[in-house]
Amino acid sequence: MVVLSYFVAALVATTQSAAIAPSQVVSALKSLGLSAETDIIDPSNDEYASDFTQRWTTHDMPSYAAAVKPTLERDVATIIKFASNNSIPFLATGAGHGFSTHLGRIQDGIEIDLGAFNHVSVDVDASTMTIGGSVRFGDIFEPLGKAGKEIQTGSDKCVGMVGATLGGGVGRYNGLHGMMVDALKSVRLVTASGQVVTASESENSDLFWGIRGAGSNFGIVLSATYDVYDQTNHGQVVNADFLFPLNGTSAVLNYFKSFEENQPAELSIIMQMGFSPQYGGTYLAVNVAFAGSMEKGRQLVQPLVNAHPMMHNITTVPWKDLTYNAFFGTAPKGAPCAKNALHNVYGAGIKTYDIPTFQRFMSSLNSFYAAHPTAQNTVFFIEAFPLQAVQRVPVDATAYPHRDILAHLLFTYTYTDLALEGTVNSFAQKARAQFAETSGLDGLQVYSSYAHGDEGPVPLYGSRNLGRLRQLKQKWDPRGVFSYNEPFN
């Protein structure tokens, strides 16, 4: 699964003292003449938990003086102007999965819940799809499936599609169709000045370049239009799931390694390492998806079958149902559909599988589970998505810089004892540094949607892009109001 990606476009006003006290923000918003359907409440009210999108993680979470659910583009523009003029930080929430530690710097802000922007429209003849800013992956599978179309997506139904796109968009069909930003045709967004603009290759093309890879730094995306594609293999996917005990580590790592130079475009591999008493302690769950024939799919997964897993399952499922069937049809622990738990997340990218590094880390994580029972919901993911279509796009075509990352590593540390914070961060940072050292890349490189928040801009956006991104920032957001979700300025 991809947590990742995980959508929150963080927008923060200047650091001057607010002209309006936090206790007055709700009443001030109600006086702005927003559309009648717009909902404005104090987050301390009971209705907030049921009527507004809740966050996936409570780690370094923002705090709000007001929550507003606008229904029109002009509502969002008015809210941004009001907040900026009064130096009130604000955060746009799509599905609520952003986890950057920068978000915790937003205090007494305004939550802008995009829940009303939830439309999905598929144009079969044009092979396009237009969605609202709060649409989750799970909202598009059925409409596209009925239309005989597909698109590259993340691996969990509850993650917001637009937010995942803005960081680049990794997922199972990257080898066939490229990054999610490569399918993006245009966006409607509200800028730092409160303008509602369209960005595409032909309109505000400079902004469109920056949106595709560093999008959270430039605005709130209210709708996005994508290219969609005729279904591969008649919409059928071989879904293979395997469960191993910890002593299956070598077999699993060797399986990843075997595809380092020649992973088929139709093949994706995701491993989750976790802890469950049901499985006797530490386990490795592997999902392999192959958009091809069952005969070829069985050949590709035979090494895992030969490794004698505790259980395995190989079936053919429709593309639209793959997310629901992966990992034996059960969501991995820490899945993004659950809300308001503490998840402290780190990420890293690799270009080569240095097996000794993986073995050392996985052994240390097993020891970590034993030493810290309240952190046994911690999970580690390896996501290996092929690069054929990703690398057909020129490296400077978008702001996404990581077209040579072979696999994305995601470390989701989940714990209930807050006293473990320092221990977890030390463990996580050491592991990330070790993987960076043997990654085959030039230092630490991290898909921005998987970034913790302490990496700095170069590992996320690449030194090659930073100059151009900063020039765009000066043009579109000179006051830096969009600077709390993996900022580069």
Protein backbone atom coordinates (compact mmCIF):
# COMPACT_ATOMS: atom_id res chain seq x y z
CA MET A 1 0.00 0.00 0.00
CA VAL A 2 1.03 3.48 -0.36
CA VAL A 3 0.48 5.59 2.32
CA LEU A 4 1.60 7.54 0.96
CA SER A 5 0.68 9.86 -0.52
CA TYR A 6 -0.81 10.58 0.86
CA PHE A 7 -3.06 14.55 0.06
CA VAL A 8 -2.78 17.66 2.13
CA ALA A 9 -1.92 21.00 0.44
CA ALA A 10 -0.62 23.07 3.35
CA LEU A 11 -1.05 26.76 3.10
CA VAL A 12 0.24 29.15 5.70
CA ALA A 13 0.09 32.91 5.86
CA THR A 14 2.92 35.16 6.99
CA THR A 15 4.49 34.80 10.41
CA GLN A 16 3.20 38.15 11.65
CA SER A 17 0.89 38.16 14.67
CA ALA A 18 -2.70 37.49 13.71
CA ALA A 19 -5.00 40.51 13.62
CA ILE A 20 -7.94 38.38 14.77
CA ALA A 21 -7.86 36.36 17.99
CA PRO A 22 -8.42 32.60 17.60
CA SER A 23 -11.69 32.85 19.50
CA GLN A 24 -13.01 35.30 16.90
CA VAL A 25 -12.13 33.38 13.75
CA VAL A 26 -15.39 31.42 13.46
CA SER A 27 -17.55 34.53 13.71
CA ALA A 28 -15.28 36.39 11.30
CA LEU A 29 -15.59 33.60 8.72
CA LYS A 30 -19.37 33.63 9.08
CA SER A 31 -19.39 37.32 8.20
CA LEU A 32 -17.60 36.83 4.86
CA GLY A 33 -20.73 36.07 2.82
CA LEU A 34 -19.70 32.55 1.84
CA SER A 35 -22.25 30.35 0.05
CA ALA A 36 -25.19 29.26 2.18
CA GLU A 37 -24.16 25.58 2.06
CA THR A 38 -20.72 26.29 3.50
CA ASP A 39 -20.29 24.76 6.95
CA ILE A 40 -18.26 26.70 9.54
CA ILE A 41 -17.70 25.39 13.07
CA ASP A 42 -15.41 25.49 16.05
CA PRO A 43 -13.36 22.24 16.00
CA SER A 44 -14.08 21.78 19.70
CA ASN A 45 -17.72 21.08 18.81
CA ASP A 46 -18.85 17.46 18.72
CA GLU A 47 -19.96 17.83 15.09
CA TYR A 48 -16.38 18.34 13.97
CA ALA A 49 -15.50 14.65 14.36
CA SER A 50 -18.49 13.48 12.31
CA ASP A 51 -18.85 16.24 9.71
CA PHE A 52 -15.24 17.07 8.84
CA THR A 53 -12.43 14.95 7.44
CA GLN A 54 -10.29 13.59 10.25
CA ARG A 55 -6.55 13.16 10.01
CA TRP A 56 -4.88 9.80 9.42
CA THR A 57 -2.12 10.61 11.91
CA THR A 58 -2.07 12.67 15.07
CA HIS A 59 1.71 13.00 14.96
CA ASP A 60 2.79 16.65 14.70
CA MET A 61 -0.76 17.54 13.76
CA PRO A 62 -1.98 21.11 13.20
CA SER A 63 -4.45 22.82 15.49
CA TYR A 64 -7.42 24.86 14.31
CA ALA A 65 -9.40 27.82 15.56
CA ALA A 66 -12.04 27.13 12.91
CA ALA A 67 -13.02 24.49 10.39
CA VAL A 68 -14.80 25.41 7.18
CA LYS A 69 -16.21 23.22 4.42
CA PRO A 70 -16.65 25.43 1.34
CA THR A 71 -18.85 24.43 -1.58
CA LEU A 72 -17.77 26.82 -4.34
CA GLU A 73 -14.46 27.90 -5.85
CA ARG A 74 -15.14 31.49 -4.82
CA ASP A 75 -15.60 30.36 -1.22
CA VAL A 76 -12.08 28.93 -1.16
CA ALA A 77 -10.68 32.09 -2.75
CA THR A 78 -12.43 34.28 -0.18
CA ILE A 79 -11.15 32.17 2.72
CA ILE A 80 -7.56 32.35 1.47
CA LYS A 81 -7.72 36.13 1.08
CA PHE A 82 -9.21 36.50 4.55
CA ALA A 83 -6.67 34.23 6.20
CA SER A 84 -3.71 35.79 4.41
CA ASN A 85 -4.81 39.34 5.18
CA ASN A 86 -5.13 38.44 8.86
CA SER A 87 -1.97 36.30 9.05
CA ILE A 88 -3.94 33.18 10.00
CA PRO A 89 -2.37 29.87 8.91
CA PHE A 90 -4.65 27.50 7.04
CA LEU A 91 -4.62 23.96 5.73
CA ALA A 92 -6.58 22.40 2.90
CA THR A 93 -7.66 18.82 3.62
CA GLY A 94 -8.57 16.37 0.89
CA ALA A 95 -8.40 12.89 2.44
CA GLY A 96 -6.29 13.93 5.43
CA HIS A 97 -3.19 11.80 4.88
CA GLY A 98 -0.39 14.33 4.88
CA PHE A 99 2.15 13.52 7.58
CA SER A 100 4.99 16.00 7.19
CA THR A 101 6.21 17.30 10.53
CA HIS A 102 6.02 20.81 9.04
CA LEU A 103 2.23 20.62 9.41
CA GLY A 104 2.57 20.70 13.18
CA ARG A 105 3.75 24.29 12.94
CA ILE A 106 0.21 25.32 12.00
CA GLN A 107 -1.40 26.44 15.25
CA ASP A 108 -4.81 28.10 15.71
CA GLY A 109 -5.30 27.92 11.97
CA ILE A 110 -8.23 27.38 9.64
CA GLU A 111 -8.99 23.95 8.23
CA ILE A 112 -10.39 24.12 4.71
CA ASP A 113 -12.15 20.79 4.20
CA LEU A 114 -12.53 20.07 0.48
CA GLY A 115 -15.15 17.39 1.07
CA ALA A 116 -17.68 19.12 -1.19
CA PHE A 117 -15.26 18.91 -4.13
CA ASN A 118 -15.81 15.18 -4.63
CA HIS A 119 -17.04 14.79 -8.20
CA VAL A 120 -15.79 12.14 -10.64
CA SER A 121 -16.49 12.48 -14.37
CA VAL A 122 -15.16 10.14 -17.07
CA ASP A 123 -15.19 11.17 -20.74
CA VAL A 124 -14.88 7.87 -22.58
CA ASP A 125 -14.49 9.42 -26.04
CA ALA A 126 -11.75 11.82 -24.94
CA SER A 127 -10.15 9.26 -22.60
CA THR A 128 -10.05 11.76 -19.76
CA MET A 129 -11.27 11.91 -16.18
CA THR A 130 -11.95 15.01 -14.10
CA ILE A 131 -12.12 14.77 -10.31
CA GLY A 132 -12.55 17.08 -7.35
CA GLY A 133 -9.83 17.86 -4.84
CA SER A 134 -11.12 15.49 -2.15
CA VAL A 135 -11.64 12.39 -4.33
CA ARG A 136 -10.01 9.24 -2.98
CA PHE A 137 -8.61 6.44 -5.10
CA GLY A 138 -11.53 4.28 -4.05
CA ASP A 139 -13.93 6.74 -5.69
CA ILE A 140 -12.51 6.30 -9.20
CA PHE A 141 -12.14 2.54 -9.57
CA GLU A 142 -15.78 1.78 -10.32
CA PRO A 143 -16.42 4.67 -12.78
CA LEU A 144 -13.25 3.89 -14.72
CA GLY A 145 -13.88 0.15 -14.64
CA LYS A 146 -17.37 0.60 -16.07
CA ALA A 147 -15.91 2.79 -18.82
CA GLY A 148 -13.30 0.18 -19.72
CA LYS A 149 -10.51 2.53 -18.66
CA GLU A 150 -7.67 2.53 -16.14
CA ILE A 151 -5.11 4.92 -14.68
CA GLN A 152 -2.03 4.63 -12.53
CA THR A 153 -2.99 5.03 -8.86
CA GLY A 154 -1.69 4.55 -5.37
CA SER A 155 -2.25 1.30 -3.54
CA ASP A 156 -4.86 2.22 -0.93
CA LYS A 157 -8.45 3.21 -1.60
CA CYS A 158 -8.63 5.83 1.16
CA VAL A 159 -5.76 8.08 0.06
CA GLY A 160 -6.63 11.27 -1.82
CA MET A 161 -5.79 11.14 -5.52
CA VAL A 162 -4.98 14.79 -6.10
CA GLY A 163 -2.66 15.02 -3.12
CA ALA A 164 -0.82 11.89 -4.16
CA THR A 165 -0.49 13.29 -7.67
CA LEU A 166 1.04 16.59 -6.57
CA GLY A 167 4.09 14.83 -5.14
CA GLY A 168 4.58 12.76 -8.30
CA GLY A 169 2.28 9.79 -7.80
CA VAL A 170 3.82 6.34 -7.38
CA GLY A 171 1.90 3.13 -7.84
CA ARG A 172 1.46 -0.28 -9.43
CA TYR A 173 0.90 0.87 -13.02
CA ASN A 174 3.85 3.28 -13.20
CA GLY A 175 5.61 0.91 -15.59
CA LEU A 176 2.68 1.04 -18.01
CA HIS A 177 1.58 4.68 -17.78
CA GLY A 178 4.26 6.63 -15.90
CA MET A 179 3.90 8.69 -12.76
CA MET A 180 0.51 10.09 -11.89
CA VAL A 181 1.80 13.56 -12.82
CA ASP A 182 2.46 12.19 -16.30
CA ALA A 183 -1.27 11.56 -16.72
CA LEU A 184 -2.25 14.99 -15.39
CA LYS A 185 -3.64 17.29 -18.12
CA SER A 186 -4.76 20.33 -16.15
CA VAL A 187 -5.78 21.60 -12.74
CA ARG A 188 -8.02 24.32 -11.34
CA LEU A 189 -6.41 25.81 -8.28
CA VAL A 190 -6.57 28.76 -5.94
CA THR A 191 -3.29 30.64 -5.72
CA ALA A 192 -1.74 32.54 -2.83
CA SER A 193 -3.41 35.75 -4.00
CA GLY A 194 -6.84 34.13 -4.01
CA GLN A 195 -7.03 33.84 -7.79
CA VAL A 196 -8.70 30.80 -9.31
CA VAL A 197 -6.60 29.77 -12.31
CA THR A 198 -6.18 26.89 -14.72
CA ALA A 199 -2.74 25.36 -15.16
CA SER A 200 -1.88 23.09 -18.09
CA GLU A 201 0.71 22.71 -20.82
CA SER A 202 -0.97 25.57 -22.72
CA GLU A 203 -2.10 27.81 -19.86
CA ASN A 204 0.16 28.93 -17.02
CA SER A 205 2.58 26.26 -18.19
CA ASP A 206 5.31 27.36 -15.78
CA LEU A 207 3.00 26.80 -12.84
CA PHE A 208 1.90 23.48 -14.33
CA TRP A 209 5.51 22.32 -14.40
CA GLY A 210 5.91 23.09 -10.69
CA ILE A 211 2.56 21.61 -9.72
CA ARG A 212 3.72 18.25 -11.08
CA GLY A 213 6.06 17.21 -8.29
CA ALA A 214 5.99 20.16 -5.87
CA GLY A 215 2.31 21.01 -6.03
CA SER A 216 1.66 21.63 -2.34
CA ASN A 217 3.92 24.67 -2.55
CA PHE A 218 1.74 26.55 -5.02
CA GLY A 219 -1.97 26.35 -4.21
CA ILE A 220 -5.13 24.45 -3.37
CA VAL A 221 -6.18 22.21 -6.25
CA LEU A 222 -9.96 22.10 -6.50
CA SER A 223 -10.19 19.87 -9.56
CA ALA A 224 -7.85 17.94 -11.82
CA THR A 225 -8.19 16.39 -15.27
CA TYR A 226 -6.22 13.27 -16.22
CA ASP A 227 -5.59 11.13 -19.25
CA VAL A 228 -7.01 7.64 -18.76
CA TYR A 229 -6.19 4.54 -20.76
CA ASP A 230 -7.84 1.52 -22.32
CA GLN A 231 -7.57 -1.35 -19.88
CA THR A 232 -4.48 -3.54 -20.02
CA ASN A 233 -5.11 -7.28 -20.48
CA HIS A 234 -8.86 -6.65 -20.80
CA GLY A 235 -8.86 -5.22 -17.28
CA GLN A 236 -7.69 -8.45 -15.63
CA VAL A 237 -4.80 -8.59 -13.14
CA VAL A 238 -3.06 -11.57 -11.57
CA ASN A 239 -3.05 -10.87 -7.83
CA ALA A 240 -0.66 -13.03 -5.80
CA ASP A 241 -0.30 -12.79 -2.02
CA PHE A 242 2.27 -14.52 0.18
CA LEU A 243 2.83 -14.63 3.93
CA PHE A 244 6.22 -15.56 5.37
CA PRO A 245 7.70 -15.71 8.86
CA LEU A 246 10.82 -13.67 9.51
CA ASN A 247 13.04 -16.54 8.37
CA GLY A 248 11.67 -15.96 4.87
CA THR A 249 13.60 -12.68 4.70
CA SER A 250 16.33 -13.94 2.37
CA ALA A 251 13.86 -15.46 -0.08
CA VAL A 252 11.81 -12.27 -0.21
CA LEU A 253 14.82 -9.98 -0.63
CA ASN A 254 16.30 -12.21 -3.31
CA TYR A 255 12.99 -12.02 -5.14
CA PHE A 256 13.16 -8.22 -5.22
CA LYS A 257 16.82 -8.38 -6.23
CA SER A 258 16.06 -10.69 -9.15
CA PHE A 259 14.08 -7.90 -10.84
CA GLU A 260 16.60 -5.13 -10.24
CA GLU A 261 17.60 -4.97 -13.91
CA ASN A 262 14.55 -6.34 -15.70
CA GLN A 263 11.28 -5.85 -13.83
CA PRO A 264 8.48 -6.22 -16.41
CA ALA A 265 6.36 -3.11 -16.97
CA GLU A 266 3.27 -5.10 -15.98
CA LEU A 267 4.70 -6.35 -12.67
CA SER A 268 4.62 -4.60 -9.30
CA ILE A 269 5.80 -5.91 -5.93
CA ILE A 270 4.97 -4.60 -2.46
CA MET A 271 6.25 -6.08 0.78
CA GLN A 272 4.96 -5.25 4.23
CA MET A 273 6.90 -6.25 7.33
CA GLY A 274 4.86 -6.15 10.51
CA PHE A 275 4.11 -7.87 13.80
CA SER A 276 1.04 -9.96 14.60
CA PRO A 277 0.48 -12.57 17.32
CA GLN A 278 -1.90 -14.24 14.87
CA TYR A 279 1.08 -15.01 12.62
CA GLY A 280 3.44 -15.92 15.44
CA GLY A 281 5.15 -12.53 15.69
CA THR A 282 7.10 -10.77 12.96
CA TYR A 283 5.83 -11.53 9.46
CA LEU A 284 6.47 -10.54 5.85
CA ALA A 285 3.45 -10.09 3.57
CA VAL A 286 4.16 -9.80 -0.15
CA ASN A 287 1.71 -8.70 -2.83
CA VAL A 288 2.60 -9.22 -6.49
CA ALA A 289 0.35 -7.77 -9.19
CA PHE A 290 0.80 -8.68 -12.84
CA ALA A 291 -1.29 -7.16 -15.63
CA GLY A 292 -0.98 -10.19 -17.89
CA SER A 293 -1.89 -13.83 -18.29
CA MET A 294 -2.25 -16.24 -15.39
CA GLU A 295 0.31 -18.54 -17.01
CA LYS A 296 2.98 -15.84 -17.13
CA GLY A 297 1.99 -14.54 -13.71
CA ARG A 298 2.47 -17.95 -12.12
CA GLN A 299 5.91 -18.19 -13.70
CA LEU A 300 6.87 -14.81 -12.26
CA VAL A 301 5.83 -15.68 -8.70
CA GLN A 302 7.10 -19.28 -8.69
CA PRO A 303 10.24 -18.36 -6.67
CA LEU A 304 7.98 -17.18 -3.85
CA VAL A 305 5.88 -20.34 -4.05
CA ASN A 306 9.09 -22.39 -3.89
CA ALA A 307 10.11 -20.54 -0.71
CA HIS A 308 7.29 -22.30 1.20
CA PRO A 309 5.22 -19.40 2.55
CA MET A 310 2.90 -19.95 5.51
CA MET A 311 0.06 -19.21 3.12
CA HIS A 312 -0.40 -17.90 -0.39
CA ASN A 313 -3.15 -17.08 -2.83
CA ILE A 314 -3.00 -16.53 -6.60
CA THR A 315 -6.11 -15.27 -8.37
CA THR A 316 -7.21 -13.12 -11.28
CA VAL A 317 -9.18 -10.00 -10.36
CA PRO A 318 -10.54 -6.99 -12.27
CA TRP A 319 -8.25 -3.94 -12.23
CA LYS A 320 -10.92 -1.96 -10.41
CA ASP A 321 -10.89 -4.50 -7.56
CA LEU A 322 -7.14 -4.99 -7.20
CA THR A 323 -6.76 -2.64 -4.24
CA TYR A 324 -9.49 -4.50 -2.37
CA ASN A 325 -8.05 -7.96 -3.04
CA ALA A 326 -4.36 -7.32 -2.43
CA PHE A 327 -2.79 -8.72 0.74
CA PHE A 328 -5.39 -11.49 1.01
CA GLY A 329 -8.19 -8.97 0.78
CA THR A 330 -7.36 -7.38 4.10
CA ALA A 331 -6.00 -3.88 4.60
CA PRO A 332 -2.50 -3.90 6.10
CA LYS A 333 -2.16 -2.68 9.66
CA GLY A 334 -1.92 1.09 9.84
CA ALA A 335 -4.05 1.39 6.72
CA PRO A 336 -5.03 4.91 5.73
CA CYS A 337 -8.76 4.25 6.20
CA ALA A 338 -8.28 4.35 9.97
CA LYS A 339 -8.12 7.83 11.48
CA ASN A 340 -6.65 9.65 14.46
CA ALA A 341 -3.84 7.26 15.38
CA LEU A 342 -0.22 8.23 15.88
CA HIS A 343 1.93 7.39 12.85
CA ASN A 344 5.46 8.78 12.66
CA VAL A 345 6.53 8.26 9.05
CA TYR A 346 9.88 8.23 7.25
CA GLY A 347 10.76 7.42 3.65
CA ALA A 348 13.71 6.71 1.38
CA GLY A 349 14.38 5.78 -2.23
CA ILE A 350 16.83 3.21 -3.58
CA LYS A 351 18.27 2.32 -6.97
CA THR A 352 19.75 -1.03 -5.93
CA TYR A 353 18.84 -3.66 -3.36
CA ASP A 354 21.79 -3.93 -0.99
CA ILE A 355 20.67 -7.12 0.71
CA PRO A 356 22.97 -6.86 3.77
CA THR A 357 21.49 -3.42 4.55
CA PHE A 358 17.96 -4.79 4.33
CA GLN A 359 18.83 -7.82 6.45
CA ARG A 360 20.38 -5.69 9.18
CA PHE A 361 17.42 -3.35 9.27
CA MET A 362 14.81 -6.10 9.28
CA SER A 363 16.65 -7.88 12.08
CA SER A 364 16.82 -4.65 14.06
CA LEU A 365 13.12 -3.98 13.46
CA ASN A 366 12.32 -7.44 14.80
CA SER A 367 14.32 -6.56 17.93
CA PHE A 368 12.51 -3.22 18.08
CA TYR A 369 9.16 -5.04 18.21
CA ALA A 370 10.38 -7.16 21.12
CA ALA A 371 11.78 -4.20 23.03
CA HIS A 372 8.77 -1.91 22.52
CA PRO A 373 5.44 -3.79 22.71
CA THR A 374 3.46 -0.55 22.43
CA ALA A 375 5.05 0.04 19.01
CA GLN A 376 4.22 -3.36 17.50
CA ASN A 377 1.83 -1.82 14.97
CA THR A 378 4.87 -0.34 13.23
CA VAL A 379 5.19 -1.48 9.60
CA PHE A 380 7.88 -1.30 6.93
CA PHE A 381 7.12 -1.31 3.22
CA ILE A 382 9.17 -1.95 0.10
CA GLU A 383 7.35 -0.74 -3.00
CA ALA A 384 8.92 -1.85 -6.29
CA PHE A 385 7.16 -0.27 -9.25
CA PRO A 386 8.63 -0.61 -12.76
CA LEU A 387 10.13 2.38 -14.54
CA GLN A 388 9.60 1.83 -18.28
CA ALA A 389 6.92 4.49 -18.81
CA VAL A 390 8.32 6.66 -16.01
CA GLN A 391 11.64 7.00 -17.80
CA ARG A 392 10.10 7.66 -21.20
CA VAL A 393 9.23 11.13 -19.88
CA PRO A 394 12.15 13.60 -20.02
CA VAL A 395 13.57 14.33 -16.58
CA ASP A 396 12.96 18.07 -16.95
CA ALA A 397 9.37 17.73 -18.21
CA THR A 398 7.97 18.02 -14.68
CA ALA A 399 9.24 19.03 -11.26
CA TYR A 400 9.28 15.39 -10.12
CA PRO A 401 13.02 14.55 -9.88
CA HIS A 402 13.17 10.85 -8.97
CA ARG A 403 12.64 8.95 -12.21
CA ASP A 404 15.53 6.59 -11.42
CA ILE A 405 14.29 5.43 -8.00
CA LEU A 406 13.80 1.68 -8.33
CA ALA A 407 11.94 1.14 -5.05
CA HIS A 408 10.40 3.37 -2.42
CA LEU A 409 10.83 2.48 1.25
CA LEU A 410 8.20 3.58 3.73
CA PHE A 411 8.67 3.29 7.48
CA THR A 412 5.45 3.84 9.45
CA TYR A 413 6.22 3.88 13.16
CA THR A 414 3.00 3.50 15.14
CA TYR A 415 3.06 3.64 18.92
CA THR A 416 0.86 4.56 21.86
CA ASP A 417 3.56 5.42 24.40
CA LEU A 418 4.53 9.02 23.63
CA ALA A 419 7.69 8.60 25.67
CA LEU A 420 9.04 6.54 22.74
CA GLU A 421 9.22 9.58 20.45
CA GLY A 422 12.95 10.13 20.86
CA THR A 423 13.75 6.43 20.64
CA VAL A 424 11.69 6.04 17.48
CA ASN A 425 13.22 9.06 15.77
CA SER A 426 16.75 7.92 16.55
CA PHE A 427 16.00 4.42 15.26
CA ALA A 428 14.29 5.78 12.14
CA GLN A 429 16.96 8.30 11.25
CA LYS A 430 19.74 5.74 11.63
CA ALA A 431 17.91 3.29 9.38
CA ARG A 432 17.19 5.94 6.76
CA ALA A 433 20.86 6.99 6.72
CA GLN A 434 22.00 3.39 6.27
CA PHE A 435 19.67 2.85 3.32
CA ALA A 436 20.77 6.15 1.77
CA GLU A 437 24.40 5.10 2.03
CA THR A 438 23.85 1.89 0.05
CA SER A 439 20.99 3.08 -2.18
CA GLY A 440 23.00 3.44 -5.38
CA LEU A 441 21.79 7.06 -5.55
CA ASP A 442 23.65 10.30 -4.90
CA GLY A 443 22.84 10.59 -1.20
CA LEU A 444 19.39 10.54 0.37
CA GLN A 445 16.54 10.85 -2.12
CA VAL A 446 12.92 10.76 -0.98
CA TYR A 447 9.61 10.89 -2.82
CA SER A 448 8.19 14.08 -1.30
CA SER A 449 4.88 12.47 -0.33
CA TYR A 450 6.88 10.00 1.80
CA ALA A 451 9.11 12.61 3.44
CA HIS A 452 9.27 12.97 7.20
CA GLY A 453 10.00 16.69 7.22
CA ASP A 454 13.61 16.88 8.39
CA GLU A 455 15.34 16.06 5.11
CA GLY A 456 15.66 19.54 3.60
CA PRO A 457 14.65 20.41 0.03
CA VAL A 458 17.42 18.74 -2.02
CA PRO A 459 16.52 15.09 -1.19
CA LEU A 460 12.88 15.83 -2.09
CA TYR A 461 13.13 18.09 -5.12
CA GLY A 462 16.69 17.65 -6.41
CA SER A 463 19.32 20.36 -6.69
CA ARG A 464 18.66 20.55 -10.45
CA ASN A 465 15.09 21.80 -9.91
CA LEU A 466 15.43 24.08 -6.90
CA GLY A 467 16.44 27.23 -8.75
CA ARG A 468 13.50 27.02 -11.12
CA LEU A 469 11.09 26.12 -8.32
CA ARG A 470 12.19 29.10 -6.26
CA GLN A 471 11.72 31.43 -9.20
CA LEU A 472 8.19 30.09 -9.59
CA LYS A 473 7.62 30.55 -5.88
CA GLN A 474 8.62 34.19 -6.13
CA LYS A 475 6.17 34.67 -8.99
CA TRP A 476 3.18 32.76 -7.64
CA ASP A 477 3.65 32.91 -3.87
CA PRO A 478 6.09 35.71 -2.97
CA ARG A 479 4.88 35.84 0.64
CA GLY A 480 5.41 32.11 1.08
CA VAL A 481 1.92 31.29 2.31
CA PHE A 482 2.17 27.76 0.87
CA SER A 483 5.19 26.73 2.88
CA TYR A 484 4.18 24.09 5.41
CA ASN A 485 3.89 20.91 3.38
CA GLU A 486 7.42 19.89 2.37
CA PRO A 487 8.52 23.45 1.55
CA PHE A 488 11.58 24.26 -0.51
CA ASN A 489 11.79 28.01 0.09
